[in-house]
Amino acid sequence: EMMMIGLCWSLLDMNQEIAMSNNTYFSMEVYNEYTCDMADKVMKLKLGDDYDNYIEEDNEGNTKYTEEGQDMFIDILDDFCNYIAKFGMYSEADRDDT
């Protein structure tokens, strides 16, 4: 829990004008890059040395998650996105302009 709070504060640093009472919408590119990076870091911390068991390399040397690793990553990513939403931080895609 404390680690997630620390991760949220680093996201807050991305926008110094943020007001906790207002929602802040980040571009899809910034939001996706940041949340995916944080989810991967959490996954690495959670798994430790076992992290390597959840990634694999394709024929071209690109690294990707195994099927089980992808499921775990998505779960962590969803949790992280839900957590930062409590602080009013969203992707532009989440903005409701209707």
C-alpha atoms as a PDB file:
ATOM      1  CA  GLU A   1       0.000   0.000   0.000  1.00  0.00           C
ATOM      2  CA  MET A   2       2.777   2.449   0.887  1.00  0.00           C
ATOM      3  CA  MET A   3       4.559   1.637  -2.361  1.00  0.00           C
ATOM      4  CA  MET A   4       1.415   2.497  -4.334  1.00  0.00           C
ATOM      5  CA  ILE A   5       1.154   5.831  -2.508  1.00  0.00           C
ATOM      6  CA  GLY A   6       4.730   6.605  -3.486  1.00  0.00           C
ATOM      7  CA  LEU A   7       3.980   5.734  -7.100  1.00  0.00           C
ATOM      8  CA  CYS A   8       0.972   8.051  -7.049  1.00  0.00           C
ATOM      9  CA  TRP A   9       3.046  10.930  -5.750  1.00  0.00           C
ATOM     10  CA  SER A  10       5.421  10.536  -8.670  1.00  0.00           C
ATOM     11  CA  LEU A  11       2.426  10.811 -11.014  1.00  0.00           C
ATOM     12  CA  LEU A  12       1.316  13.942  -9.162  1.00  0.00           C
ATOM     13  CA  ASP A  13       4.740  15.445  -9.877  1.00  0.00           C
ATOM     14  CA  MET A  14       3.956  15.228 -13.603  1.00  0.00           C
ATOM     15  CA  ASN A  15       1.426  18.042 -13.223  1.00  0.00           C
ATOM     16  CA  GLN A  16       2.343  20.662 -10.627  1.00  0.00           C
ATOM     17  CA  GLU A  17      -0.927  22.535 -11.092  1.00  0.00           C
ATOM     18  CA  ILE A  18      -3.035  19.550 -10.068  1.00  0.00           C
ATOM     19  CA  ALA A  19      -5.742  20.246  -7.520  1.00  0.00           C
ATOM     20  CA  MET A  20      -6.830  17.224  -5.515  1.00  0.00           C
ATOM     21  CA  SER A  21     -10.476  18.303  -5.785  1.00  0.00           C
ATOM     22  CA  ASN A  22     -10.401  18.409  -9.599  1.00  0.00           C
ATOM     23  CA  ASN A  23      -9.941  15.610 -12.086  1.00  0.00           C
ATOM     24  CA  THR A  24      -6.796  15.685 -14.183  1.00  0.00           C
ATOM     25  CA  TYR A  25      -6.709  14.050 -17.592  1.00  0.00           C
ATOM     26  CA  PHE A  26      -3.405  12.956 -19.078  1.00  0.00           C
ATOM     27  CA  SER A  27      -2.863  12.236 -22.764  1.00  0.00           C
ATOM     28  CA  MET A  28      -3.359   8.564 -23.667  1.00  0.00           C
ATOM     29  CA  GLU A  29       0.344   8.310 -24.516  1.00  0.00           C
ATOM     30  CA  VAL A  30       1.526   9.694 -21.170  1.00  0.00           C
ATOM     31  CA  TYR A  31      -1.125   7.815 -19.165  1.00  0.00           C
ATOM     32  CA  ASN A  32      -0.493   4.461 -20.846  1.00  0.00           C
ATOM     33  CA  GLU A  33       3.285   4.761 -20.704  1.00  0.00           C
ATOM     34  CA  TYR A  34       3.238   5.706 -17.036  1.00  0.00           C
ATOM     35  CA  THR A  35       0.635   3.200 -15.827  1.00  0.00           C
ATOM     36  CA  CYS A  36       2.172   0.322 -17.788  1.00  0.00           C
ATOM     37  CA  ASP A  37       5.636   1.183 -16.479  1.00  0.00           C
ATOM     38  CA  MET A  38       4.334   1.300 -12.905  1.00  0.00           C
ATOM     39  CA  ALA A  39       2.425  -1.988 -13.317  1.00  0.00           C
ATOM     40  CA  ASP A  40       5.586  -3.675 -14.614  1.00  0.00           C
ATOM     41  CA  LYS A  41       7.614  -2.294 -11.695  1.00  0.00           C
ATOM     42  CA  VAL A  42       5.031  -3.559  -9.205  1.00  0.00           C
ATOM     43  CA  MET A  43       5.055  -6.944 -10.939  1.00  0.00           C
ATOM     44  CA  LYS A  44       8.866  -7.103 -10.690  1.00  0.00           C
ATOM     45  CA  LEU A  45       8.754  -6.199  -6.999  1.00  0.00           C
ATOM     46  CA  LYS A  46       5.996  -8.711  -6.327  1.00  0.00           C
ATOM     47  CA  LEU A  47       7.673 -11.599  -8.166  1.00  0.00           C
ATOM     48  CA  GLY A  48      11.330 -10.885  -7.432  1.00  0.00           C
ATOM     49  CA  ASP A  49      13.538 -13.519  -9.068  1.00  0.00           C
ATOM     50  CA  ASP A  50      10.454 -15.333 -10.379  1.00  0.00           C
ATOM     51  CA  TYR A  51       9.734 -12.407 -12.754  1.00  0.00           C
ATOM     52  CA  ASP A  52      11.822 -14.103 -15.452  1.00  0.00           C
ATOM     53  CA  ASN A  53       9.392 -17.046 -15.420  1.00  0.00           C
ATOM     54  CA  TYR A  54       6.625 -14.726 -16.642  1.00  0.00           C
ATOM     55  CA  ILE A  55       8.417 -13.234 -19.642  1.00  0.00           C
ATOM     56  CA  GLU A  56       9.648 -14.778 -22.877  1.00  0.00           C
ATOM     57  CA  GLU A  57      11.525 -13.727 -25.989  1.00  0.00           C
ATOM     58  CA  ASP A  58      10.215 -14.104 -29.523  1.00  0.00           C
ATOM     59  CA  ASN A  59      12.332 -15.023 -32.569  1.00  0.00           C
ATOM     60  CA  GLU A  60      13.310 -11.379 -33.107  1.00  0.00           C
ATOM     61  CA  GLY A  61      14.528 -10.913 -29.527  1.00  0.00           C
ATOM     62  CA  ASN A  62      11.517  -8.918 -28.344  1.00  0.00           C
ATOM     63  CA  THR A  63      10.467  -9.528 -24.766  1.00  0.00           C
ATOM     64  CA  LYS A  64       6.824 -10.135 -23.912  1.00  0.00           C
ATOM     65  CA  TYR A  65       4.845 -11.605 -21.054  1.00  0.00           C
ATOM     66  CA  THR A  66       3.807 -15.226 -21.027  1.00  0.00           C
ATOM     67  CA  GLU A  67       0.044 -15.761 -21.069  1.00  0.00           C
ATOM     68  CA  GLU A  68       0.041 -16.090 -17.277  1.00  0.00           C
ATOM     69  CA  GLY A  69       2.339 -13.080 -16.981  1.00  0.00           C
ATOM     70  CA  GLN A  70       0.036 -11.008 -19.201  1.00  0.00           C
ATOM     71  CA  ASP A  71      -2.952 -11.884 -17.000  1.00  0.00           C
ATOM     72  CA  MET A  72      -1.020 -10.855 -13.879  1.00  0.00           C
ATOM     73  CA  PHE A  73       0.145  -7.616 -15.541  1.00  0.00           C
ATOM     74  CA  ILE A  74      -3.433  -6.700 -16.557  1.00  0.00           C
ATOM     75  CA  ASP A  75      -4.679  -7.329 -12.999  1.00  0.00           C
ATOM     76  CA  ILE A  76      -1.951  -5.094 -11.532  1.00  0.00           C
ATOM     77  CA  LEU A  77      -2.540  -2.437 -14.208  1.00  0.00           C
ATOM     78  CA  ASP A  78      -6.287  -2.398 -13.493  1.00  0.00           C
ATOM     79  CA  ASP A  79      -5.639  -2.092  -9.749  1.00  0.00           C
ATOM     80  CA  PHE A  80      -3.177   0.756 -10.291  1.00  0.00           C
ATOM     81  CA  CYS A  81      -5.509   2.651 -12.645  1.00  0.00           C
ATOM     82  CA  ASN A  82      -8.374   2.268 -10.162  1.00  0.00           C
ATOM     83  CA  TYR A  83      -6.106   3.470  -7.370  1.00  0.00           C
ATOM     84  CA  ILE A  84      -4.953   6.652  -9.112  1.00  0.00           C
ATOM     85  CA  ALA A  85      -8.551   7.343 -10.161  1.00  0.00           C
ATOM     86  CA  LYS A  86      -9.262   7.856  -6.446  1.00  0.00           C
ATOM     87  CA  PHE A  87      -6.940  10.861  -6.727  1.00  0.00           C
ATOM     88  CA  GLY A  88      -8.788  12.164  -9.799  1.00  0.00           C
ATOM     89  CA  MET A  89      -6.163  11.053 -12.310  1.00  0.00           C
ATOM     90  CA  TYR A  90      -7.454   9.718 -15.609  1.00  0.00           C
ATOM     91  CA  SER A  91      -6.623   9.228 -19.251  1.00  0.00           C
ATOM     92  CA  GLU A  92      -8.098  11.632 -21.817  1.00  0.00           C
ATOM     93  CA  ALA A  93     -10.078   8.613 -23.060  1.00  0.00           C
ATOM     94  CA  ASP A  94     -11.924   8.567 -19.711  1.00  0.00           C
ATOM     95  CA  ARG A  95     -13.165  12.161 -20.102  1.00  0.00           C
ATOM     96  CA  ASP A  96     -16.925  12.348 -20.478  1.00  0.00           C
ATOM     97  CA  ASP A  97     -17.638  15.238 -22.831  1.00  0.00           C
ATOM     98  CA  THR A  98     -21.253  14.310 -23.492  1.00  0.00           C
END
